[in-house]
Amino acid sequence: MITLFAAVLSFKVIGIDCSACAKPVVNAISSVEGVKDVQLDWRNATARVDVPDGFDRTRIRRALNNAGFEVAFPGERVTAMEPLPDEVVRKLDISSDSGTSHININNLLAPGKITIVDFYADWCGPCHVLENRLQHYMQDKPAIALRRVNIGKWDNEAAKQATREFRAEALPYIRVYDASGKFVTAVTGGMWDEVLAAIQKAQR
């Protein structure tokens, strides 16, 4: 059977902010059946692909959402990755700790799930961006839990623990544990490609 590629589909990729994010974006788009010749300009956050007649472009949206990115097709409003509605967030396995006392990591871990322990601060802009991206990523992944720990102004017990015990040097700072509760890796700086790689490593 011969598939005729009769259309070129161009779109914006929302959430790509560095060259390292190009690989997971291209991989996600390439995984969609029917898509050929993926071309990505990460600096302008644009992509173009060849697709057959009658192609359902929502499949590209689902694939990129799965990787933590969003899509704006021609005619759609281009936005930053907007926060999810409260009613959606409440369905995700997310809890927060004030950080005012020493953290027992074992008590934070969600049994049978990959757990991301996110040390954050309200004043940290990149922390809010990472939280938003994680929420979007978790929407259809019930096997992932997020535990957020507030480090205040680097002045509470959680901050002391993060710097002394875990050697955290900057925010965002996350620690990823696999479904058995074993520590997998830590990521500093919130680079999305590194976060994705850490989660994928925990899934092995």
C-alpha atoms as a PDB file:
ATOM      1  CA  MET A   1       0.000   0.000   0.000  1.00  0.00           C
ATOM      2  CA  ILE A   2       1.364   3.434  -0.943  1.00  0.00           C
ATOM      3  CA  THR A   3       0.717   6.345   1.415  1.00  0.00           C
ATOM      4  CA  LEU A   4       0.534   9.717  -0.294  1.00  0.00           C
ATOM      5  CA  PHE A   5       2.021  12.561   1.714  1.00  0.00           C
ATOM      6  CA  ALA A   6      -0.058  15.389   0.384  1.00  0.00           C
ATOM      7  CA  ALA A   7       0.215  18.012   3.079  1.00  0.00           C
ATOM      8  CA  VAL A   8       2.786  19.929   5.084  1.00  0.00           C
ATOM      9  CA  LEU A   9       1.687  20.693   8.633  1.00  0.00           C
ATOM     10  CA  SER A  10       3.378  23.538  10.507  1.00  0.00           C
ATOM     11  CA  PHE A  11       2.840  24.401  14.174  1.00  0.00           C
ATOM     12  CA  LYS A  12       4.311  26.012  17.270  1.00  0.00           C
ATOM     13  CA  VAL A  13       5.777  23.891  20.058  1.00  0.00           C
ATOM     14  CA  ILE A  14       4.995  25.438  23.435  1.00  0.00           C
ATOM     15  CA  GLY A  15       7.507  24.798  26.192  1.00  0.00           C
ATOM     16  CA  ILE A  16      10.653  24.209  24.155  1.00  0.00           C
ATOM     17  CA  ASP A  17      13.251  26.563  25.558  1.00  0.00           C
ATOM     18  CA  CYS A  18      16.657  25.067  24.802  1.00  0.00           C
ATOM     19  CA  SER A  19      18.481  22.988  22.204  1.00  0.00           C
ATOM     20  CA  ALA A  20      18.499  19.988  24.542  1.00  0.00           C
ATOM     21  CA  CYS A  21      14.689  19.906  24.418  1.00  0.00           C
ATOM     22  CA  ALA A  22      14.828  19.382  20.654  1.00  0.00           C
ATOM     23  CA  LYS A  23      15.491  15.648  20.907  1.00  0.00           C
ATOM     24  CA  PRO A  24      12.464  14.718  23.067  1.00  0.00           C
ATOM     25  CA  VAL A  25      10.265  16.946  20.874  1.00  0.00           C
ATOM     26  CA  VAL A  26      11.456  15.317  17.647  1.00  0.00           C
ATOM     27  CA  ASN A  27      11.169  11.857  19.202  1.00  0.00           C
ATOM     28  CA  ALA A  28       7.597  12.545  20.308  1.00  0.00           C
ATOM     29  CA  ILE A  29       6.520  13.846  16.898  1.00  0.00           C
ATOM     30  CA  SER A  30       8.317  11.036  15.056  1.00  0.00           C
ATOM     31  CA  SER A  31       6.498   8.443  17.154  1.00  0.00           C
ATOM     32  CA  VAL A  32       3.168   9.441  15.575  1.00  0.00           C
ATOM     33  CA  GLU A  33       2.157   7.026  12.833  1.00  0.00           C
ATOM     34  CA  GLY A  34       1.859   8.728   9.478  1.00  0.00           C
ATOM     35  CA  VAL A  35       4.261  11.593  10.227  1.00  0.00           C
ATOM     36  CA  LYS A  36       7.344  11.945   8.021  1.00  0.00           C
ATOM     37  CA  ASP A  37      10.248  14.378   7.602  1.00  0.00           C
ATOM     38  CA  VAL A  38      10.125  16.103  11.007  1.00  0.00           C
ATOM     39  CA  GLN A  39      11.827  19.494  10.889  1.00  0.00           C
ATOM     40  CA  LEU A  40      12.224  21.478  14.093  1.00  0.00           C
ATOM     41  CA  ASP A  41      13.504  25.013  14.630  1.00  0.00           C
ATOM     42  CA  TRP A  42      13.875  25.047  18.409  1.00  0.00           C
ATOM     43  CA  ARG A  43      14.976  28.711  18.522  1.00  0.00           C
ATOM     44  CA  ASN A  44      11.656  29.806  17.003  1.00  0.00           C
ATOM     45  CA  ALA A  45       9.750  26.907  18.606  1.00  0.00           C
ATOM     46  CA  THR A  46       8.307  25.854  15.258  1.00  0.00           C
ATOM     47  CA  ALA A  47       7.997  22.470  13.594  1.00  0.00           C
ATOM     48  CA  ARG A  48       6.843  21.195  10.221  1.00  0.00           C
ATOM     49  CA  VAL A  49       6.052  17.670   9.120  1.00  0.00           C
ATOM     50  CA  ASP A  50       4.730  15.826   6.098  1.00  0.00           C
ATOM     51  CA  VAL A  51       1.410  14.092   6.722  1.00  0.00           C
ATOM     52  CA  PRO A  52      -1.000  12.074   4.556  1.00  0.00           C
ATOM     53  CA  ASP A  53      -4.423  13.228   3.444  1.00  0.00           C
ATOM     54  CA  GLY A  54      -6.978  13.062   6.230  1.00  0.00           C
ATOM     55  CA  PHE A  55      -4.344  13.042   8.971  1.00  0.00           C
ATOM     56  CA  ASP A  56      -5.691  13.664  12.485  1.00  0.00           C
ATOM     57  CA  ARG A  57      -3.392  16.355  13.871  1.00  0.00           C
ATOM     58  CA  THR A  58      -4.650  15.824  17.421  1.00  0.00           C
ATOM     59  CA  ARG A  59      -2.378  12.767  17.479  1.00  0.00           C
ATOM     60  CA  ILE A  60       0.610  15.120  17.359  1.00  0.00           C
ATOM     61  CA  ARG A  61      -0.903  17.121  20.203  1.00  0.00           C
ATOM     62  CA  ARG A  62      -1.320  13.977  22.324  1.00  0.00           C
ATOM     63  CA  ALA A  63       2.254  12.837  21.637  1.00  0.00           C
ATOM     64  CA  LEU A  64       3.740  16.198  22.599  1.00  0.00           C
ATOM     65  CA  ASN A  65       1.495  16.553  25.656  1.00  0.00           C
ATOM     66  CA  ASN A  66       2.772  13.141  26.705  1.00  0.00           C
ATOM     67  CA  ALA A  67       6.312  14.504  26.593  1.00  0.00           C
ATOM     68  CA  GLY A  68       5.394  17.621  28.570  1.00  0.00           C
ATOM     69  CA  PHE A  69       4.977  20.084  25.698  1.00  0.00           C
ATOM     70  CA  GLU A  70       2.001  21.769  24.076  1.00  0.00           C
ATOM     71  CA  VAL A  71       1.074  22.617  20.498  1.00  0.00           C
ATOM     72  CA  ALA A  72      -0.476  25.610  18.785  1.00  0.00           C
ATOM     73  CA  PHE A  73      -1.657  24.805  15.279  1.00  0.00           C
ATOM     74  CA  PRO A  74      -2.326  27.621  12.762  1.00  0.00           C
ATOM     75  CA  GLY A  75      -5.278  29.706  13.887  1.00  0.00           C
ATOM     76  CA  GLU A  76      -4.952  28.678  17.533  1.00  0.00           C
ATOM     77  CA  ARG A  77      -3.969  31.080  20.283  1.00  0.00           C
ATOM     78  CA  VAL A  78      -0.311  30.746  21.202  1.00  0.00           C
ATOM     79  CA  THR A  79       0.211  30.772  24.946  1.00  0.00           C
ATOM     80  CA  ALA A  80       2.827  29.863  27.425  1.00  0.00           C
ATOM     81  CA  MET A  81       2.031  26.597  29.128  1.00  0.00           C
ATOM     82  CA  GLU A  82      -0.921  27.855  31.116  1.00  0.00           C
ATOM     83  CA  PRO A  83      -1.696  26.524  34.611  1.00  0.00           C
ATOM     84  CA  LEU A  84      -4.170  23.687  34.764  1.00  0.00           C
ATOM     85  CA  PRO A  85      -7.595  24.332  36.309  1.00  0.00           C
ATOM     86  CA  ASP A  86      -7.790  23.586  40.037  1.00  0.00           C
ATOM     87  CA  GLU A  87     -10.268  20.769  39.478  1.00  0.00           C
ATOM     88  CA  VAL A  88      -7.727  19.023  37.219  1.00  0.00           C
ATOM     89  CA  VAL A  89      -4.796  19.555  39.588  1.00  0.00           C
ATOM     90  CA  ARG A  90      -6.796  18.101  42.481  1.00  0.00           C
ATOM     91  CA  LYS A  91      -7.014  14.797  40.613  1.00  0.00           C
ATOM     92  CA  LEU A  92      -3.222  14.512  40.401  1.00  0.00           C
ATOM     93  CA  ASP A  93      -1.125  12.834  43.100  1.00  0.00           C
ATOM     94  CA  ILE A  94       0.456  16.020  44.439  1.00  0.00           C
ATOM     95  CA  SER A  95       1.044  17.130  48.016  1.00  0.00           C
ATOM     96  CA  SER A  96       3.074  19.904  49.641  1.00  0.00           C
ATOM     97  CA  ASP A  97       5.135  20.250  52.794  1.00  0.00           C
ATOM     98  CA  SER A  98       5.847  23.547  54.533  1.00  0.00           C
ATOM     99  CA  GLY A  99       9.478  22.574  55.080  1.00  0.00           C
ATOM    100  CA  THR A 100       9.473  23.845  58.660  1.00  0.00           C
ATOM    101  CA  SER A 101      10.654  20.502  60.048  1.00  0.00           C
ATOM    102  CA  HIS A 102      13.141  17.847  58.946  1.00  0.00           C
ATOM    103  CA  ILE A 103      11.852  15.808  55.985  1.00  0.00           C
ATOM    104  CA  ASN A 104      11.685  12.029  56.177  1.00  0.00           C
ATOM    105  CA  ILE A 105      11.924  11.191  52.491  1.00  0.00           C
ATOM    106  CA  ASN A 106      10.563   7.681  53.022  1.00  0.00           C
ATOM    107  CA  ASN A 107       7.337   9.155  54.383  1.00  0.00           C
ATOM    108  CA  LEU A 108       6.958  11.292  51.258  1.00  0.00           C
ATOM    109  CA  LEU A 109       7.303   8.486  48.741  1.00  0.00           C
ATOM    110  CA  ALA A 110       4.148   7.166  47.106  1.00  0.00           C
ATOM    111  CA  PRO A 111       4.130   3.346  47.264  1.00  0.00           C
ATOM    112  CA  GLY A 112       4.286   1.750  43.846  1.00  0.00           C
ATOM    113  CA  LYS A 113       4.767   5.069  42.045  1.00  0.00           C
ATOM    114  CA  ILE A 114       7.643   7.098  40.693  1.00  0.00           C
ATOM    115  CA  THR A 115       7.931   9.983  43.147  1.00  0.00           C
ATOM    116  CA  ILE A 116       9.391  13.377  42.305  1.00  0.00           C
ATOM    117  CA  VAL A 117      10.434  15.323  45.403  1.00  0.00           C
ATOM    118  CA  ASP A 118      10.531  18.971  44.395  1.00  0.00           C
ATOM    119  CA  PHE A 119      12.327  21.458  46.640  1.00  0.00           C
ATOM    120  CA  TYR A 120      10.926  24.858  45.694  1.00  0.00           C
ATOM    121  CA  ALA A 121      10.344  28.422  46.901  1.00  0.00           C
ATOM    122  CA  ASP A 122       7.492  30.840  46.227  1.00  0.00           C
ATOM    123  CA  TRP A 123       9.970  33.518  45.118  1.00  0.00           C
ATOM    124  CA  CYS A 124      11.572  31.176  42.553  1.00  0.00           C
ATOM    125  CA  GLY A 125      10.096  31.847  39.088  1.00  0.00           C
ATOM    126  CA  PRO A 126      11.635  28.752  37.442  1.00  0.00           C
ATOM    127  CA  CYS A 127      10.145  26.641  40.245  1.00  0.00           C
ATOM    128  CA  HIS A 128       6.648  27.715  39.215  1.00  0.00           C
ATOM    129  CA  VAL A 129       7.435  26.943  35.562  1.00  0.00           C
ATOM    130  CA  LEU A 130       8.672  23.467  36.496  1.00  0.00           C
ATOM    131  CA  GLU A 131       5.630  22.809  38.692  1.00  0.00           C
ATOM    132  CA  ASN A 132       3.341  23.764  35.822  1.00  0.00           C
ATOM    133  CA  ARG A 133       5.176  21.522  33.369  1.00  0.00           C
ATOM    134  CA  LEU A 134       5.113  18.596  35.790  1.00  0.00           C
ATOM    135  CA  GLN A 135       1.374  18.996  36.293  1.00  0.00           C
ATOM    136  CA  HIS A 136       0.774  18.929  32.542  1.00  0.00           C
ATOM    137  CA  TYR A 137       3.057  15.915  32.196  1.00  0.00           C
ATOM    138  CA  MET A 138       1.283  14.018  34.985  1.00  0.00           C
ATOM    139  CA  GLN A 139      -2.238  14.394  33.592  1.00  0.00           C
ATOM    140  CA  ASP A 140      -2.424  10.927  32.069  1.00  0.00           C
ATOM    141  CA  LYS A 141       0.293   9.299  34.184  1.00  0.00           C
ATOM    142  CA  PRO A 142      -1.258   8.016  37.430  1.00  0.00           C
ATOM    143  CA  ALA A 143       1.961   6.153  38.243  1.00  0.00           C
ATOM    144  CA  ILE A 144       3.778   9.433  38.992  1.00  0.00           C
ATOM    145  CA  ALA A 145       3.513  11.378  42.247  1.00  0.00           C
ATOM    146  CA  LEU A 146       4.820  14.862  43.044  1.00  0.00           C
ATOM    147  CA  ARG A 147       5.867  15.898  46.551  1.00  0.00           C
ATOM    148  CA  ARG A 148       6.709  19.595  46.880  1.00  0.00           C
ATOM    149  CA  VAL A 149       8.851  20.851  49.762  1.00  0.00           C
ATOM    150  CA  ASN A 150       9.029  24.591  50.459  1.00  0.00           C
ATOM    151  CA  ILE A 151      12.530  25.792  51.395  1.00  0.00           C
ATOM    152  CA  GLY A 152      11.309  29.297  52.325  1.00  0.00           C
ATOM    153  CA  LYS A 153      14.098  31.826  51.854  1.00  0.00           C
ATOM    154  CA  TRP A 154      16.784  29.179  52.299  1.00  0.00           C
ATOM    155  CA  ASP A 155      16.167  29.601  56.016  1.00  0.00           C
ATOM    156  CA  ASN A 156      14.002  26.689  57.184  1.00  0.00           C
ATOM    157  CA  GLU A 157      14.712  23.055  58.114  1.00  0.00           C
ATOM    158  CA  ALA A 158      14.004  21.755  54.611  1.00  0.00           C
ATOM    159  CA  ALA A 159      16.526  24.232  53.176  1.00  0.00           C
ATOM    160  CA  LYS A 160      19.185  23.098  55.653  1.00  0.00           C
ATOM    161  CA  GLN A 161      18.499  19.481  54.794  1.00  0.00           C
ATOM    162  CA  ALA A 162      18.553  20.164  51.046  1.00  0.00           C
ATOM    163  CA  THR A 163      21.935  21.885  51.201  1.00  0.00           C
ATOM    164  CA  ARG A 164      23.629  19.712  53.854  1.00  0.00           C
ATOM    165  CA  GLU A 165      22.233  16.258  53.199  1.00  0.00           C
ATOM    166  CA  PHE A 166      21.457  16.464  49.483  1.00  0.00           C
ATOM    167  CA  ARG A 167      24.051  19.072  48.450  1.00  0.00           C
ATOM    168  CA  ALA A 168      21.472  21.168  46.612  1.00  0.00           C
ATOM    169  CA  GLU A 169      23.096  24.342  45.292  1.00  0.00           C
ATOM    170  CA  ALA A 170      20.262  26.043  43.414  1.00  0.00           C
ATOM    171  CA  LEU A 171      16.569  25.902  42.589  1.00  0.00           C
ATOM    172  CA  PRO A 172      14.687  24.238  41.061  1.00  0.00           C
ATOM    173  CA  TYR A 173      16.029  21.069  42.673  1.00  0.00           C
ATOM    174  CA  ILE A 174      14.265  17.713  42.379  1.00  0.00           C
ATOM    175  CA  ARG A 175      15.023  14.175  43.498  1.00  0.00           C
ATOM    176  CA  VAL A 176      13.491  11.271  41.600  1.00  0.00           C
ATOM    177  CA  TYR A 177      12.688   7.893  43.175  1.00  0.00           C
ATOM    178  CA  ASP A 178      11.495   4.787  41.364  1.00  0.00           C
ATOM    179  CA  ALA A 179       8.362   2.807  42.183  1.00  0.00           C
ATOM    180  CA  SER A 180      10.253   0.702  44.745  1.00  0.00           C
ATOM    181  CA  GLY A 181      11.407   3.813  46.601  1.00  0.00           C
ATOM    182  CA  LYS A 182      14.998   3.688  45.355  1.00  0.00           C
ATOM    183  CA  PHE A 183      16.700   7.016  44.683  1.00  0.00           C
ATOM    184  CA  VAL A 184      17.407   7.361  40.962  1.00  0.00           C
ATOM    185  CA  THR A 185      18.907  10.807  40.382  1.00  0.00           C
ATOM    186  CA  ALA A 186      18.679  14.510  41.182  1.00  0.00           C
ATOM    187  CA  VAL A 187      18.208  17.402  38.762  1.00  0.00           C
ATOM    188  CA  THR A 188      19.236  20.989  39.482  1.00  0.00           C
ATOM    189  CA  GLY A 189      18.004  23.926  37.431  1.00  0.00           C
ATOM    190  CA  GLY A 190      14.758  22.517  36.096  1.00  0.00           C
ATOM    191  CA  MET A 191      16.008  21.784  32.560  1.00  0.00           C
ATOM    192  CA  TRP A 192      13.083  19.896  31.075  1.00  0.00           C
ATOM    193  CA  ASP A 193      15.152  17.454  29.025  1.00  0.00           C
ATOM    194  CA  GLU A 194      17.026  16.426  32.181  1.00  0.00           C
ATOM    195  CA  VAL A 195      13.775  16.069  34.123  1.00  0.00           C
ATOM    196  CA  LEU A 196      12.327  13.838  31.383  1.00  0.00           C
ATOM    197  CA  ALA A 197      15.508  11.749  31.311  1.00  0.00           C
ATOM    198  CA  ALA A 198      15.355  11.308  35.094  1.00  0.00           C
ATOM    199  CA  ILE A 199      11.733  10.142  34.962  1.00  0.00           C
ATOM    200  CA  GLN A 200      12.492   7.757  32.092  1.00  0.00           C
ATOM    201  CA  LYS A 201      15.447   6.342  34.045  1.00  0.00           C
ATOM    202  CA  ALA A 202      13.118   5.688  36.998  1.00  0.00           C
ATOM    203  CA  GLN A 203      10.769   3.752  34.713  1.00  0.00           C
ATOM    204  CA  ARG A 204      13.399   1.159  33.773  1.00  0.00           C
END
